């Protein structure tokens, strides 16, 4: 596990939850994610997308979903 891939200064609450849920909705509409994804929590969604590992946010999640 490469320590450089984690964003240690960020928590799940620092991310734009509305944007994450929008991405999930689009993924379901396009058939890329199962409908059950719409019922998942944000941490579960991030884990499914490989953007969260053992509770630690990856840098990619910050780049895609950071709240402004």
C-alpha atoms as a PDB file:
ATOM      1  CA  UNK A   1       0.000   0.000   0.000  1.00  0.00           C
ATOM      2  CA  UNK A   2       1.565   3.280  -1.148  1.00  0.00           C
ATOM      3  CA  UNK A   3       1.220   5.897   1.599  1.00  0.00           C
ATOM      4  CA  UNK A   4       1.349   8.713  -1.008  1.00  0.00           C
ATOM      5  CA  UNK A   5      -2.054   7.708  -2.363  1.00  0.00           C
ATOM      6  CA  UNK A   6      -3.857   8.839   0.804  1.00  0.00           C
ATOM      7  CA  UNK A   7      -5.166  12.340   1.593  1.00  0.00           C
ATOM      8  CA  UNK A   8      -4.412  12.482   5.310  1.00  0.00           C
ATOM      9  CA  UNK A   9      -5.715  16.053   5.686  1.00  0.00           C
ATOM     10  CA  UNK A  10      -9.248  15.134   4.577  1.00  0.00           C
ATOM     11  CA  UNK A  11     -12.227  13.336   6.074  1.00  0.00           C
ATOM     12  CA  UNK A  12     -15.333  11.965   4.352  1.00  0.00           C
ATOM     13  CA  UNK A  13     -17.262  15.031   5.578  1.00  0.00           C
ATOM     14  CA  UNK A  14     -14.886  17.298   3.622  1.00  0.00           C
ATOM     15  CA  UNK A  15     -16.137  15.820   0.355  1.00  0.00           C
ATOM     16  CA  UNK A  16     -19.154  17.051  -1.620  1.00  0.00           C
ATOM     17  CA  UNK A  17     -21.762  14.407  -0.780  1.00  0.00           C
ATOM     18  CA  UNK A  18     -24.269  15.795  -3.278  1.00  0.00           C
ATOM     19  CA  UNK A  19     -21.737  15.449  -6.092  1.00  0.00           C
ATOM     20  CA  UNK A  20     -20.892  11.912  -5.034  1.00  0.00           C
ATOM     21  CA  UNK A  21     -24.585  10.959  -5.035  1.00  0.00           C
ATOM     22  CA  UNK A  22     -24.983  12.619  -8.453  1.00  0.00           C
ATOM     23  CA  UNK A  23     -22.127  10.503  -9.820  1.00  0.00           C
ATOM     24  CA  UNK A  24     -23.783   7.375  -8.419  1.00  0.00           C
ATOM     25  CA  UNK A  25     -27.126   8.333  -9.997  1.00  0.00           C
ATOM     26  CA  UNK A  26     -25.439   8.773 -13.381  1.00  0.00           C
ATOM     27  CA  UNK A  27     -23.623   5.466 -12.937  1.00  0.00           C
ATOM     28  CA  UNK A  28     -26.918   3.699 -12.302  1.00  0.00           C
ATOM     29  CA  UNK A  29     -28.593   5.431 -15.270  1.00  0.00           C
ATOM     30  CA  UNK A  30     -25.736   4.333 -17.546  1.00  0.00           C
ATOM     31  CA  UNK A  31     -25.773   0.774 -16.196  1.00  0.00           C
ATOM     32  CA  UNK A  32     -22.302   1.085 -14.677  1.00  0.00           C
ATOM     33  CA  UNK A  33     -23.474   0.720 -11.070  1.00  0.00           C
ATOM     34  CA  UNK A  34     -26.242  -1.451  -9.626  1.00  0.00           C
ATOM     35  CA  UNK A  35     -29.415   0.251  -8.401  1.00  0.00           C
ATOM     36  CA  UNK A  36     -28.551  -0.878  -4.879  1.00  0.00           C
ATOM     37  CA  UNK A  37     -25.752   1.721  -4.958  1.00  0.00           C
ATOM     38  CA  UNK A  38     -28.400   4.425  -4.550  1.00  0.00           C
ATOM     39  CA  UNK A  39     -29.078   3.140  -1.033  1.00  0.00           C
ATOM     40  CA  UNK A  40     -25.430   3.075   0.071  1.00  0.00           C
ATOM     41  CA  UNK A  41     -23.770   5.540   2.407  1.00  0.00           C
ATOM     42  CA  UNK A  42     -21.100   7.885   1.070  1.00  0.00           C
ATOM     43  CA  UNK A  43     -18.277   5.896   2.730  1.00  0.00           C
ATOM     44  CA  UNK A  44     -19.652   2.688   1.164  1.00  0.00           C
ATOM     45  CA  UNK A  45     -19.838   4.381  -2.240  1.00  0.00           C
ATOM     46  CA  UNK A  46     -16.254   5.610  -1.929  1.00  0.00           C
ATOM     47  CA  UNK A  47     -15.110   2.118  -0.971  1.00  0.00           C
ATOM     48  CA  UNK A  48     -17.010   0.613  -3.932  1.00  0.00           C
ATOM     49  CA  UNK A  49     -15.229   3.074  -6.240  1.00  0.00           C
ATOM     50  CA  UNK A  50     -11.883   2.232  -4.601  1.00  0.00           C
ATOM     51  CA  UNK A  51     -11.558   5.794  -3.269  1.00  0.00           C
ATOM     52  CA  UNK A  52     -11.566   4.780   0.395  1.00  0.00           C
ATOM     53  CA  UNK A  53      -9.348   2.148   1.985  1.00  0.00           C
ATOM     54  CA  UNK A  54      -9.805   1.136   5.643  1.00  0.00           C
ATOM     55  CA  UNK A  55     -11.447   4.465   6.377  1.00  0.00           C
ATOM     56  CA  UNK A  56      -8.717   6.518   4.713  1.00  0.00           C
ATOM     57  CA  UNK A  57      -9.568   8.742   1.759  1.00  0.00           C
ATOM     58  CA  UNK A  58      -7.438   8.462  -1.341  1.00  0.00           C
ATOM     59  CA  UNK A  59      -6.138  11.553  -3.130  1.00  0.00           C
ATOM     60  CA  UNK A  60      -8.303  10.727  -6.158  1.00  0.00           C
ATOM     61  CA  UNK A  61     -11.452  11.144  -4.024  1.00  0.00           C
ATOM     62  CA  UNK A  62     -10.358  14.624  -2.992  1.00  0.00           C
ATOM     63  CA  UNK A  63      -9.667  15.590  -6.581  1.00  0.00           C
ATOM     64  CA  UNK A  64     -13.069  14.380  -7.747  1.00  0.00           C
ATOM     65  CA  UNK A  65     -15.343  15.157  -4.817  1.00  0.00           C
ATOM     66  CA  UNK A  66     -13.942  17.958  -2.673  1.00  0.00           C
ATOM     67  CA  UNK A  67     -16.523  20.443  -1.384  1.00  0.00           C
ATOM     68  CA  UNK A  68     -15.889  24.003  -2.498  1.00  0.00           C
END
